[in-house]
Amino acid sequence: MERTAFITSIVASLMFATVSLSADAQAPAALGDAKAGSQLVQRCQGCHGIVGLRTAFPEVYKVPKIAGQHSTYFVSALKAYKSGDRKHPGMHAIAVSLSDKDMNDLSAYYAESK
């Protein structure tokens, strides 16, 4: 793995840990409308809806579970994929098709999902 990609993954992990800790202390209101987000999940379920899925593109890795994800982290991750700060061709293609409202609505839906 490139040094930059490794550092990026470490930073993302630390951000997730920080967000998770603060979420336990105080859960903020959802960023969007979970009901509207439920109409957008087909873009996500092909990979994230299959428990234990592994994929081989762009490299072999386990697809992360997004149900129950903290909404602020969720939106931050999608924006990073959209801008290209996080590298994954499939996620980039999906993220560029999402508006800020779509991202917020999806984040609300998945924050409520288990």
C-alpha atoms as a PDB file:
ATOM      1  CA  MET A   1       0.000   0.000   0.000  1.00  0.00           C
ATOM      2  CA  GLU A   2       1.329   3.454  -0.813  1.00  0.00           C
ATOM      3  CA  ARG A   3       2.500   5.520   2.127  1.00  0.00           C
ATOM      4  CA  THR A   4      -0.138   8.197   1.408  1.00  0.00           C
ATOM      5  CA  ALA A   5      -2.933   5.624   1.234  1.00  0.00           C
ATOM      6  CA  PHE A   6      -1.714   4.068   4.471  1.00  0.00           C
ATOM      7  CA  ILE A   7      -1.642   7.426   6.243  1.00  0.00           C
ATOM      8  CA  THR A   8      -5.090   8.272   4.863  1.00  0.00           C
ATOM      9  CA  SER A   9      -6.500   5.001   6.192  1.00  0.00           C
ATOM     10  CA  ILE A  10      -4.965   5.659   9.628  1.00  0.00           C
ATOM     11  CA  VAL A  11      -6.429   9.171   9.729  1.00  0.00           C
ATOM     12  CA  ALA A  12      -9.852   7.853   8.664  1.00  0.00           C
ATOM     13  CA  SER A  13      -9.694   5.210  11.392  1.00  0.00           C
ATOM     14  CA  LEU A  14      -8.826   7.805  13.993  1.00  0.00           C
ATOM     15  CA  MET A  15     -11.641  10.056  12.780  1.00  0.00           C
ATOM     16  CA  PHE A  16     -14.043   7.125  13.056  1.00  0.00           C
ATOM     17  CA  ALA A  17     -12.840   6.317  16.586  1.00  0.00           C
ATOM     18  CA  THR A  18     -13.226   9.954  17.646  1.00  0.00           C
ATOM     19  CA  VAL A  19     -16.700  10.206  16.134  1.00  0.00           C
ATOM     20  CA  SER A  20     -17.708   6.882  17.718  1.00  0.00           C
ATOM     21  CA  LEU A  21     -16.548   8.006  21.154  1.00  0.00           C
ATOM     22  CA  SER A  22     -18.370  11.315  20.898  1.00  0.00           C
ATOM     23  CA  ALA A  23     -21.487   9.554  19.582  1.00  0.00           C
ATOM     24  CA  ASP A  24     -21.566   7.387  22.700  1.00  0.00           C
ATOM     25  CA  ALA A  25     -21.386  10.463  24.898  1.00  0.00           C
ATOM     26  CA  GLN A  26     -23.997  12.463  23.040  1.00  0.00           C
ATOM     27  CA  ALA A  27     -25.897  11.409  19.925  1.00  0.00           C
ATOM     28  CA  PRO A  28     -26.609  14.424  17.695  1.00  0.00           C
ATOM     29  CA  ALA A  29     -29.759  14.746  15.665  1.00  0.00           C
ATOM     30  CA  ALA A  30     -29.657  13.063  12.267  1.00  0.00           C
ATOM     31  CA  LEU A  31     -28.384  15.196   9.418  1.00  0.00           C
ATOM     32  CA  GLY A  32     -31.176  14.300   7.023  1.00  0.00           C
ATOM     33  CA  ASP A  33     -34.476  12.534   6.510  1.00  0.00           C
ATOM     34  CA  ALA A  34     -34.261   8.771   7.091  1.00  0.00           C
ATOM     35  CA  LYS A  35     -37.475   8.133   5.143  1.00  0.00           C
ATOM     36  CA  ALA A  36     -36.071   9.933   2.092  1.00  0.00           C
ATOM     37  CA  GLY A  37     -32.799   8.035   2.577  1.00  0.00           C
ATOM     38  CA  SER A  38     -34.668   4.732   2.468  1.00  0.00           C
ATOM     39  CA  GLN A  39     -35.516   5.536  -1.159  1.00  0.00           C
ATOM     40  CA  LEU A  40     -31.801   5.849  -2.040  1.00  0.00           C
ATOM     41  CA  VAL A  41     -30.329   2.715  -0.443  1.00  0.00           C
ATOM     42  CA  GLN A  42     -30.338   0.630  -3.621  1.00  0.00           C
ATOM     43  CA  ARG A  43     -27.058   2.365  -4.494  1.00  0.00           C
ATOM     44  CA  CYS A  44     -25.500   0.979  -1.314  1.00  0.00           C
ATOM     45  CA  GLN A  45     -27.104  -2.416  -0.753  1.00  0.00           C
ATOM     46  CA  GLY A  46     -25.347  -4.216  -3.593  1.00  0.00           C
ATOM     47  CA  CYS A  47     -22.158  -4.208  -1.530  1.00  0.00           C
ATOM     48  CA  HIS A  48     -22.934  -2.954   1.970  1.00  0.00           C
ATOM     49  CA  GLY A  49     -26.127  -4.974   2.321  1.00  0.00           C
ATOM     50  CA  ILE A  50     -24.359  -8.342   2.149  1.00  0.00           C
ATOM     51  CA  VAL A  51     -22.903  -9.396   5.503  1.00  0.00           C
ATOM     52  CA  GLY A  52     -19.275 -10.502   5.208  1.00  0.00           C
ATOM     53  CA  LEU A  53     -18.910  -9.532   1.528  1.00  0.00           C
ATOM     54  CA  ARG A  54     -15.383  -9.357   0.193  1.00  0.00           C
ATOM     55  CA  THR A  55     -14.544  -7.729  -3.090  1.00  0.00           C
ATOM     56  CA  ALA A  56     -11.495  -7.923  -5.322  1.00  0.00           C
ATOM     57  CA  PHE A  57     -11.610  -4.456  -6.875  1.00  0.00           C
ATOM     58  CA  PRO A  58      -9.518  -2.368  -6.637  1.00  0.00           C
ATOM     59  CA  GLU A  59      -7.928  -4.793  -4.148  1.00  0.00           C
ATOM     60  CA  VAL A  60      -9.197  -7.602  -1.938  1.00  0.00           C
ATOM     61  CA  TYR A  61     -10.875  -6.156   1.149  1.00  0.00           C
ATOM     62  CA  LYS A  62     -13.880  -6.708   3.350  1.00  0.00           C
ATOM     63  CA  VAL A  63     -16.764  -4.333   2.606  1.00  0.00           C
ATOM     64  CA  PRO A  64     -17.545  -2.367   5.773  1.00  0.00           C
ATOM     65  CA  LYS A  65     -20.908  -2.459   7.509  1.00  0.00           C
ATOM     66  CA  ILE A  66     -22.588   0.951   7.250  1.00  0.00           C
ATOM     67  CA  ALA A  67     -25.802   0.200   9.147  1.00  0.00           C
ATOM     68  CA  GLY A  68     -25.611   2.029  12.459  1.00  0.00           C
ATOM     69  CA  GLN A  69     -22.825   4.311  11.236  1.00  0.00           C
ATOM     70  CA  HIS A  70     -22.631   7.759  12.839  1.00  0.00           C
ATOM     71  CA  SER A  71     -24.257  10.238  10.430  1.00  0.00           C
ATOM     72  CA  THR A  72     -21.515  12.886  10.588  1.00  0.00           C
ATOM     73  CA  TYR A  73     -18.808  10.343   9.763  1.00  0.00           C
ATOM     74  CA  PHE A  74     -20.983   8.819   7.028  1.00  0.00           C
ATOM     75  CA  VAL A  75     -21.405  12.164   5.238  1.00  0.00           C
ATOM     76  CA  SER A  76     -17.737  13.033   5.729  1.00  0.00           C
ATOM     77  CA  ALA A  77     -16.697   9.745   4.129  1.00  0.00           C
ATOM     78  CA  LEU A  78     -19.038  10.203   1.156  1.00  0.00           C
ATOM     79  CA  LYS A  79     -17.753  13.738   0.574  1.00  0.00           C
ATOM     80  CA  ALA A  80     -14.169  12.453   0.678  1.00  0.00           C
ATOM     81  CA  TYR A  81     -15.022   9.795  -1.930  1.00  0.00           C
ATOM     82  CA  LYS A  82     -16.758  12.424  -4.058  1.00  0.00           C
ATOM     83  CA  SER A  83     -13.784  14.815  -3.952  1.00  0.00           C
ATOM     84  CA  GLY A  84     -11.260  12.044  -4.519  1.00  0.00           C
ATOM     85  CA  ASP A  85      -9.618  12.466  -1.098  1.00  0.00           C
ATOM     86  CA  ARG A  86     -10.580   8.851  -0.391  1.00  0.00           C
ATOM     87  CA  LYS A  87      -9.674   6.491  -3.198  1.00  0.00           C
ATOM     88  CA  HIS A  88     -12.081   3.831  -4.387  1.00  0.00           C
ATOM     89  CA  PRO A  89     -13.382   3.886  -7.972  1.00  0.00           C
ATOM     90  CA  GLY A  90     -16.768   2.341  -7.172  1.00  0.00           C
ATOM     91  CA  MET A  91     -17.439   4.593  -4.196  1.00  0.00           C
ATOM     92  CA  HIS A  92     -16.281   7.639  -6.158  1.00  0.00           C
ATOM     93  CA  ALA A  93     -18.717   6.825  -8.967  1.00  0.00           C
ATOM     94  CA  ILE A  94     -21.589   6.543  -6.507  1.00  0.00           C
ATOM     95  CA  ALA A  95     -20.623   9.579  -4.417  1.00  0.00           C
ATOM     96  CA  VAL A  96     -20.396  11.940  -7.408  1.00  0.00           C
ATOM     97  CA  SER A  97     -24.008  11.079  -8.228  1.00  0.00           C
ATOM     98  CA  LEU A  98     -25.192  12.123  -4.744  1.00  0.00           C
ATOM     99  CA  SER A  99     -26.238  15.628  -3.747  1.00  0.00           C
ATOM    100  CA  ASP A 100     -25.514  16.929  -0.241  1.00  0.00           C
ATOM    101  CA  LYS A 101     -29.187  16.290   0.589  1.00  0.00           C
ATOM    102  CA  ASP A 102     -28.905  12.696  -0.664  1.00  0.00           C
ATOM    103  CA  MET A 103     -25.840  12.160   1.521  1.00  0.00           C
ATOM    104  CA  ASN A 104     -27.600  13.605   4.564  1.00  0.00           C
ATOM    105  CA  ASP A 105     -30.712  11.509   3.940  1.00  0.00           C
ATOM    106  CA  LEU A 106     -28.675   8.321   3.500  1.00  0.00           C
ATOM    107  CA  SER A 107     -26.735   9.123   6.652  1.00  0.00           C
ATOM    108  CA  ALA A 108     -29.974   9.484   8.621  1.00  0.00           C
ATOM    109  CA  TYR A 109     -31.285   6.181   7.253  1.00  0.00           C
ATOM    110  CA  TYR A 110     -28.108   4.242   8.036  1.00  0.00           C
ATOM    111  CA  ALA A 111     -27.655   5.889  11.455  1.00  0.00           C
ATOM    112  CA  GLU A 112     -31.061   4.466  12.413  1.00  0.00           C
ATOM    113  CA  SER A 113     -30.386   1.035  10.847  1.00  0.00           C
ATOM    114  CA  LYS A 114     -28.803  -1.817  12.757  1.00  0.00           C
END
